[in-house]
Protein backbone atom coordinates (compact mmCIF):
# COMPACT_ATOMS: atom_id res chain seq x y z
CA MET A 1 -14.36 34.97 -18.05
CA LEU A 2 -11.27 35.64 -20.08
CA GLY A 3 -11.73 36.91 -23.60
CA GLY A 4 -10.55 34.71 -26.44
CA ALA A 5 -7.33 36.61 -27.09
CA ARG A 6 -6.19 36.56 -23.48
CA ARG A 7 -7.43 33.01 -22.87
CA GLU A 8 -5.05 31.91 -25.61
CA LEU A 9 -2.22 33.19 -23.39
CA LEU A 10 -3.37 31.12 -20.40
CA ARG A 11 -1.71 27.73 -20.07
CA ILE A 12 -2.25 25.78 -16.86
CA ALA A 13 -0.12 23.03 -15.34
CA LEU A 14 -1.81 20.64 -12.91
CA VAL A 15 0.99 19.11 -10.81
CA GLN A 16 0.45 15.82 -8.98
CA GLY A 17 2.43 12.78 -7.95
CA THR A 18 0.34 10.46 -5.77
CA ARG A 19 -2.70 8.23 -6.03
CA PRO A 20 -4.96 10.55 -3.95
CA GLU A 21 -4.13 13.53 -6.15
CA ILE A 22 -5.01 11.59 -9.30
CA ILE A 23 -8.42 10.83 -7.80
CA LYS A 24 -9.13 14.24 -6.25
CA ASN A 25 -8.10 16.15 -9.39
CA PHE A 26 -10.41 14.14 -11.67
CA SER A 27 -13.14 16.78 -11.80
CA ILE A 28 -10.66 19.65 -12.16
CA VAL A 29 -9.16 17.98 -15.24
CA ALA A 30 -12.64 17.44 -16.67
CA ALA A 31 -13.59 21.06 -16.00
CA LEU A 32 -10.42 22.41 -17.62
CA ALA A 33 -11.10 20.30 -20.71
CA ARG A 34 -14.69 21.54 -20.94
CA ALA A 35 -13.59 25.15 -20.48
CA GLY A 36 -11.33 24.89 -23.52
CA VAL A 37 -8.28 26.08 -21.60
CA ARG A 38 -4.87 24.81 -22.61
CA PHE A 39 -3.53 22.67 -19.79
CA GLU A 40 -1.29 19.72 -19.04
CA VAL A 41 -1.07 17.20 -16.22
CA LEU A 42 2.47 16.85 -14.85
CA HIS A 43 3.18 13.74 -12.77
CA THR A 44 6.20 13.78 -10.46
CA ASN A 45 6.38 9.97 -10.09
CA GLN A 46 6.21 9.96 -6.31
CA HIS A 47 3.78 7.07 -6.68
CA ARG A 48 4.94 5.11 -9.70
CA GLN A 49 3.83 1.53 -9.00
CA ARG A 50 1.18 0.41 -11.48
CA LYS A 51 -1.57 -0.03 -8.88
CA MET A 52 -0.78 3.37 -7.37
CA CYS A 53 -0.38 5.25 -10.64
CA ALA A 54 -1.20 3.90 -14.14
CA ASP A 55 -4.19 1.85 -12.97
CA VAL A 56 -5.55 4.85 -11.08
CA TYR A 57 -5.30 7.14 -14.10
CA ARG A 58 -7.06 4.49 -16.15
CA ALA A 59 -9.87 4.20 -13.62
CA MET A 60 -10.36 7.97 -13.47
CA GLY A 61 -10.44 8.28 -17.24
CA TYR A 62 -7.54 10.64 -17.94
CA GLU A 63 -3.75 10.52 -18.38
CA TRP A 64 -0.70 12.54 -17.50
CA SER A 65 0.75 14.77 -20.21
CA ARG A 66 4.32 14.42 -18.96
CA ALA A 67 5.99 12.48 -16.18
CA LEU A 68 9.27 13.08 -14.36
CA PRO A 69 11.97 11.09 -16.15
CA GLY A 70 14.08 8.85 -13.95
CA ARG A 71 13.69 8.27 -10.24
CA TYR A 72 11.71 10.61 -8.02
CA SER A 73 13.32 13.02 -5.60
CA LEU A 74 11.98 16.36 -4.44
CA GLY A 75 14.93 18.25 -5.93
CA ASN A 76 14.63 16.48 -9.27
CA ALA A 77 10.89 17.18 -9.31
CA ILE A 78 11.33 20.92 -8.67
CA GLU A 79 13.99 21.31 -11.34
CA TRP A 80 12.05 19.24 -13.88
CA LEU A 81 8.87 21.21 -13.23
CA GLN A 82 10.63 24.55 -13.65
CA ARG A 83 12.17 23.52 -16.95
CA THR A 84 8.83 22.13 -18.12
CA PHE A 85 6.98 25.31 -17.10
CA VAL A 86 9.47 27.41 -19.07
CA ARG A 87 9.55 25.16 -22.14
CA ASP A 88 5.76 24.85 -22.35
CA GLY A 89 4.93 28.48 -21.57
CA ILE A 90 2.97 27.69 -18.41
CA THR A 91 1.25 30.75 -16.92
CA HIS A 92 -0.53 29.25 -13.91
CA VAL A 93 -0.02 26.17 -11.69
CA ILE A 94 -2.64 24.17 -9.77
CA VAL A 95 -1.61 21.89 -6.89
CA ASN A 96 -3.73 19.82 -4.52
CA GLY A 97 -3.33 18.83 -0.90
CA ASP A 98 -0.30 18.31 1.31
CA THR A 99 2.00 16.15 -0.78
CA ALA A 100 5.60 16.64 -1.84
CA ALA A 101 4.26 17.10 -5.40
CA SER A 102 2.13 20.00 -4.19
CA LEU A 103 5.14 21.61 -2.54
CA ALA A 104 7.35 20.99 -5.59
CA GLY A 105 4.80 22.55 -7.93
CA ALA A 106 4.36 25.60 -5.70
CA LEU A 107 8.10 26.18 -5.25
CA ALA A 108 8.82 25.71 -8.95
CA ALA A 109 6.12 28.26 -9.79
CA LEU A 110 7.21 30.72 -7.07
CA TYR A 111 10.66 31.29 -8.55
CA LEU A 112 9.21 31.80 -12.02
CA ASP A 113 6.63 34.31 -10.70
CA LEU A 114 3.71 32.15 -11.81
CA GLY A 115 0.33 32.16 -10.14
CA VAL A 116 -0.37 29.17 -7.89
CA THR A 117 -3.78 27.72 -7.00
CA HIS A 118 -3.85 25.50 -3.90
CA VAL A 119 -6.85 23.20 -3.74
CA GLU A 120 -7.53 21.77 -0.24
CA ALA A 121 -5.98 24.76 1.46
CA GLY A 122 -6.12 25.57 5.16
CA LEU A 123 -6.05 22.10 6.72
CA ARG A 124 -4.10 22.08 10.00
CA SER A 125 -3.51 19.28 12.51
CA GLY A 126 -1.44 21.40 14.90
CA ASP A 127 1.49 18.97 14.58
CA VAL A 128 4.36 20.97 13.12
CA LEU A 129 6.60 17.89 13.07
CA MET A 130 4.32 16.26 10.49
CA ARG A 131 5.76 16.62 7.00
CA GLU A 132 2.31 17.00 5.48
CA GLU A 133 1.61 19.86 7.89
CA ARG A 134 4.76 21.68 6.88
CA ASN A 135 3.93 21.13 3.21
CA ARG A 136 0.47 22.65 3.73
CA ILE A 137 1.82 25.71 5.54
CA MET A 138 4.43 26.40 2.87
CA VAL A 139 2.07 25.91 -0.06
CA ASP A 140 -0.62 28.07 1.55
CA SER A 141 1.93 30.86 2.03
CA ILE A 142 2.97 30.67 -1.64
CA ALA A 143 -0.46 30.32 -3.25
CA THR A 144 -2.14 33.24 -5.01
CA LEU A 145 -5.51 31.45 -4.97
CA LEU A 146 -6.55 29.20 -2.07
CA PHE A 147 -9.58 26.90 -2.14
CA ALA A 148 -10.75 25.69 1.25
CA TYR A 149 -12.94 22.60 1.56
CA THR A 150 -15.04 23.80 4.51
CA ALA A 151 -15.94 27.04 6.25
CA TYR A 152 -13.66 25.98 9.13
CA GLU A 153 -10.54 26.10 6.93
CA GLU A 154 -11.74 29.27 5.22
CA ARG A 155 -11.90 31.05 8.59
CA LEU A 156 -8.48 29.71 9.58
CA LEU A 157 -6.90 30.98 6.35
CA ARG A 158 -8.45 34.42 6.74
CA ALA A 159 -6.94 34.63 10.22
CA THR A 160 -3.44 33.59 9.05
CA PRO A 161 -1.15 36.60 8.39
CA ALA A 162 1.26 34.59 6.22
CA VAL A 163 -1.46 33.84 3.65
CA ARG A 164 -1.16 36.37 0.82
CA GLY A 165 -3.53 34.85 -1.73
CA ARG A 166 -7.25 35.22 -2.37
CA ILE A 167 -9.36 32.71 -0.42
CA HIS A 168 -12.45 30.94 -1.77
CA LEU A 169 -14.85 28.24 -0.59
CA GLU A 170 -16.05 26.14 -3.52
CA GLY A 171 -16.43 22.67 -1.99
CA ASN A 172 -14.61 19.35 -2.05
CA THR A 173 -13.68 17.55 -5.27
CA THR A 174 -14.15 14.18 -3.51
CA VAL A 175 -17.88 14.94 -3.63
CA ASP A 176 -17.57 15.03 -7.43
CA VAL A 177 -15.90 11.61 -7.49
CA LEU A 178 -18.60 10.02 -5.32
CA HIS A 179 -21.33 11.65 -7.40
CA ASP A 180 -19.93 10.89 -10.85
CA PHE A 181 -18.98 7.30 -10.06
CA ALA A 182 -21.89 6.41 -7.75
CA ASP A 183 -22.85 3.36 -9.80
CA ALA A 184 -19.32 1.95 -9.64
CA ILE A 185 -19.41 1.81 -5.83
CA SER A 186 -23.07 0.98 -5.24
CA ARG A 187 -22.83 -2.81 -4.95
CA PRO A 188 -21.45 -4.39 -1.77
CA PRO A 189 -18.16 -6.09 -2.71
CA ARG A 190 -18.72 -8.86 -0.15
CA SER A 191 -21.62 -10.19 1.91
CA ASP A 192 -20.06 -10.41 5.39
CA ARG A 193 -19.65 -7.78 8.10
CA TYR A 194 -16.19 -6.27 8.09
CA VAL A 195 -14.08 -3.25 8.96
CA PHE A 196 -11.92 -1.54 6.36
CA VAL A 197 -8.36 -0.48 7.23
CA THR A 198 -5.77 1.75 5.58
CA LEU A 199 -2.39 2.67 7.10
CA HIS A 200 0.50 4.45 5.42
CA ARG A 201 1.81 7.51 7.27
CA LYS A 202 5.43 7.92 8.34
CA GLU A 203 4.42 8.53 11.96
CA LEU A 204 3.37 4.88 11.94
CA THR A 205 5.72 3.17 9.51
CA ASP A 206 8.84 4.75 11.03
CA SER A 207 7.98 3.26 14.44
CA ARG A 208 8.27 -0.50 15.09
CA GLU A 209 6.55 0.01 18.45
CA ARG A 210 3.50 1.65 16.88
CA MET A 211 3.34 -0.87 14.05
CA THR A 212 3.43 -3.73 16.56
CA ALA A 213 0.68 -2.18 18.72
CA LEU A 214 -1.63 -1.52 15.76
CA LEU A 215 -1.17 -5.03 14.39
CA HIS A 216 -2.02 -6.42 17.82
CA ALA A 217 -5.19 -4.30 17.88
CA LEU A 218 -6.16 -5.39 14.35
CA ARG A 219 -5.65 -9.07 15.25
CA ARG A 220 -7.93 -8.58 18.26
CA ILE A 221 -10.58 -7.00 16.04
CA ALA A 222 -10.22 -9.84 13.53
CA GLU A 223 -11.23 -12.31 16.24
CA ARG A 224 -14.77 -10.92 16.08
CA ARG A 225 -15.23 -9.69 12.50
CA ALA A 226 -13.39 -9.57 9.20
CA VAL A 227 -10.63 -7.00 8.81
CA VAL A 228 -9.93 -5.98 5.20
CA PHE A 229 -6.54 -4.29 4.92
CA PRO A 230 -5.21 -3.14 1.50
CA VAL A 231 -1.53 -2.64 2.27
CA HIS A 232 0.16 0.52 1.01
CA PRO A 233 3.67 -0.07 -0.44
CA ARG A 234 5.29 1.96 2.35
CA THR A 235 3.46 -0.08 4.97
CA ALA A 236 4.34 -3.35 3.27
CA ASP A 237 7.99 -2.34 3.31
CA ALA A 238 7.80 -1.51 7.02
CA LEU A 239 6.12 -4.82 7.82
CA ARG A 240 8.97 -6.66 6.11
CA ARG A 241 11.63 -4.43 7.67
CA TYR A 242 10.31 -5.05 11.18
CA LYS A 243 9.63 -8.74 10.43
CA LEU A 244 5.96 -8.25 11.25
CA ASP A 245 4.60 -9.54 7.94
CA ARG A 246 4.26 -13.03 9.46
CA GLU A 247 2.22 -11.76 12.41
CA LEU A 248 -0.94 -10.72 10.58
CA GLY A 249 -3.02 -13.60 11.88
CA ALA A 250 -6.61 -13.45 10.56
CA ILE A 251 -6.17 -9.94 9.13
CA GLU A 252 -7.02 -9.99 5.39
CA ALA A 253 -3.98 -8.15 4.07
CA VAL A 254 -4.28 -7.57 0.30
CA ASP A 255 -2.49 -5.58 -2.38
CA PRO A 256 -3.66 -2.00 -3.05
CA VAL A 257 -7.11 -2.02 -4.66
CA SER A 258 -8.58 0.19 -7.37
CA PRO A 259 -10.17 3.55 -6.43
CA PHE A 260 -13.69 2.24 -6.92
CA GLU A 261 -13.06 -1.03 -5.11
CA SER A 262 -11.65 0.99 -2.21
CA LEU A 263 -14.69 3.30 -2.15
CA ALA A 264 -17.09 0.35 -2.39
CA LEU A 265 -15.33 -1.40 0.48
CA GLN A 266 -15.57 1.79 2.52
CA LYS A 267 -19.20 2.43 1.68
CA HIS A 268 -20.37 -0.99 2.83
CA ALA A 269 -18.08 -1.40 5.86
CA LEU A 270 -19.21 -1.43 9.47
CA ALA A 271 -16.46 1.07 10.24
CA ILE A 272 -13.30 2.50 8.71
CA LEU A 273 -9.93 2.54 10.48
CA THR A 274 -7.37 4.83 8.88
CA ASP A 275 -4.50 7.25 9.27
CA SER A 276 -5.36 8.91 5.94
CA GLY A 277 -6.84 12.38 5.82
CA CYS A 278 -8.58 11.74 2.50
CA ILE A 279 -10.28 8.61 3.80
CA GLN A 280 -11.57 10.47 6.85
CA GLU A 281 -13.39 12.70 4.34
CA GLU A 282 -14.61 9.76 2.27
CA ALA A 283 -15.94 8.01 5.36
CA TYR A 284 -17.83 11.17 6.33
CA LEU A 285 -19.34 11.56 2.88
CA LEU A 286 -20.26 7.86 2.70
CA GLY A 287 -21.91 7.93 6.14
CA VAL A 288 -19.56 5.35 7.67
CA PRO A 289 -18.14 5.80 11.22
CA CYS A 290 -14.39 6.40 11.17
CA VAL A 291 -11.64 5.68 13.72
CA THR A 292 -8.49 7.67 13.03
CA LEU A 293 -5.34 5.86 14.07
CA ARG A 294 -3.29 8.96 14.84
CA ASN A 295 -2.81 11.41 17.69
CA ASN A 296 -4.39 14.28 15.74
CA THR A 297 -6.41 15.16 12.66
CA GLU A 298 -6.74 18.07 10.26
CA ARG A 299 -10.37 17.09 9.49
CA HIS A 300 -11.72 18.75 12.63
CA LEU A 301 -15.36 18.98 11.60
CA THR A 302 -15.60 15.22 11.10
CA VAL A 303 -14.77 14.83 14.80
CA ALA A 304 -16.96 17.74 15.92
CA ASN A 305 -19.94 16.25 14.09
CA GLY A 306 -19.50 12.82 15.67
CA ALA A 307 -18.43 10.96 12.54
CA ASN A 308 -14.79 10.41 13.47
CA VAL A 309 -12.85 9.49 16.62
CA VAL A 310 -9.11 10.14 16.99
CA ALA A 311 -8.00 7.00 18.87
CA GLY A 312 -4.23 7.39 18.91
CA PHE A 313 -1.88 4.39 18.90
CA ALA A 314 -2.74 2.66 22.20
CA ILE A 315 -4.49 -0.70 21.93
CA GLY A 316 -7.19 -0.08 24.55
CA PRO A 317 -8.63 3.17 23.12
CA ILE A 318 -8.46 1.73 19.60
CA LEU A 319 -10.46 -1.38 20.52
CA ALA A 320 -13.04 0.65 22.44
CA SER A 321 -13.43 3.16 19.60
CA VAL A 322 -13.83 0.39 17.00
CA GLU A 323 -16.51 -1.39 19.01
CA GLU A 324 -18.42 1.85 19.44
CA ALA A 325 -18.10 2.66 15.74
CA CYS A 326 -19.28 -0.80 14.67
CA ALA A 327 -22.33 -0.51 16.92
CA ALA A 328 -23.24 2.98 15.70
CA GLN A 329 -26.26 3.57 13.51
CA ARG A 330 -25.43 4.95 10.11
CA ARG A 331 -26.76 8.41 9.51
CA GLY A 332 -26.11 11.50 7.50
CA TRP A 333 -23.94 14.10 9.20
CA PRO A 334 -24.22 17.84 8.49
CA ASP A 335 -23.17 18.86 4.99
CA ILE A 336 -19.75 20.45 5.34
CA TYR A 337 -18.24 19.73 1.91
CA GLY A 338 -20.76 21.27 -0.46
CA PRO A 339 -22.64 19.93 -3.49
CA PRO A 340 -21.21 18.22 -6.59
CA GLY A 341 -19.55 20.49 -9.12
CA ALA A 342 -16.55 21.61 -7.05
CA GLY A 343 -14.18 21.02 -9.96
CA VAL A 344 -16.22 23.25 -12.26
CA ARG A 345 -16.57 25.94 -9.60
CA ILE A 346 -12.81 25.92 -8.91
CA VAL A 347 -11.91 26.22 -12.60
CA ASP A 348 -14.53 28.94 -13.15
CA ARG A 349 -13.04 30.85 -10.23
CA VAL A 350 -9.48 30.48 -11.57
CA LEU A 351 -10.63 31.86 -14.94
CA SER A 352 -12.64 34.69 -13.38
CA GLU A 353 -9.67 35.70 -11.22
CA ALA A 354 -7.48 35.74 -14.32
CA ALA A 355 -10.07 37.93 -16.05
CA ALA A 356 -10.19 40.28 -13.05
CA ALA A 357 -6.39 40.58 -13.10
CA GLU A 358 -6.62 41.46 -16.79
CA ARG A 359 -9.17 44.20 -16.08
CA ARG A 360 -7.07 45.63 -13.26
CA ASP A 361 -3.92 45.75 -15.37
CA PRO A 362 -4.60 45.25 -19.08
CA GLN A 363 -1.08 46.38 -20.01
CA ARG A 364 0.73 43.98 -17.70
CA PRO A 365 3.57 42.10 -19.38
CA ARG A 366 2.67 38.90 -21.11
CA PRO A 367 4.34 35.70 -19.96
CA ALA A 368 7.88 35.41 -21.25
CA ALA A 369 8.56 33.00 -24.05
CA PRO A 370 10.80 30.10 -23.02
CA ALA A 371 13.86 31.55 -24.76
CA GLU A 372 13.43 34.81 -22.84
CA ILE A 373 13.92 33.20 -19.43
CA CYS A 374 17.55 32.84 -18.47
CA ALA A 375 18.91 29.72 -16.82
CA GLU A 376 19.64 31.60 -13.59
CA THR A 377 15.89 32.00 -13.04
CA LEU A 378 15.55 28.26 -12.54
CA VAL A 379 15.58 26.75 -9.05
CA GLY A 380 15.71 30.12 -7.32
CA GLY A 381 18.60 31.70 -9.17
CA ASP A 382 20.96 34.30 -7.64
CA GLY A 383 21.70 31.88 -4.80
CA LEU A 384 18.14 31.94 -3.48
């Protein structure tokens, strides 16, 4: 660990901007607080609706330190983060996942020569047209520390020439959430048999044809069992835009629900239908069969272990996959995500790597004070 004098020089920024990041970073925030490290949570306002932001922070028991003023854009987020890093003397940045906030945090840190930790590194769907995929590739190439969730991603990162950082396998922070809040999700939220649905990705919402096909499939499923569908704001907007919001039939479309209500609904569902990567993981950890409504997935081991089926967007394969999932016996699949305590292990590793860097180069320059960093350094500088 870092000695007291050098630890005083360490100041960490945890950058996030979406509901999933707020949830997944819960145990990292708790571990940073327990470690006595100076840190701040910077929120880029990508998700700013109350049910997608403030209510989620409240449920997870922590708050942001600063939030992007004004409306979100990627450029505004990068510039704001750089100025905040400089003003607050940030020495290290932690980002999580494949979001625009993760990319913004990594790019802002890159041009200030700050260390970057990428949690949830190494996920690949093979679809280079997917924005999330491009975000992952760029952040992985920038990161100085990369934390993979499974041995599969660890091997992929070690075989990727563009990855320059140090790679570690310390587990999945979603395991911490399910462990620490087990009581909050233990009771069935309803007594009937139902499937749980989430849909939000641009590959779906940007296509009226796909939206129409999936709604048709969900209406067919709803003829036999309840379909509980918390509607993401992006999806709600697409439904209105395509005038499909009046064609939901018996589908139980509701507003976004709290993190624990969502997890409880997942835990006690017959099956989960989703296009979310995070929910594929949650379904696996909760022991609930999952049908992924996409043409690919970056959670390969969930498919390899029989917990998840990639059904695509065609009605026939979706209906067949859902019926098979609903008839499946629940069981535990092989442990791929590690035990609780991932947040603590990640923070301990960040601190030990900082201590190792100190031992290797005890005379290295200390981080510049805000006044010592010229304006040209911000947002690339020198035309970069």
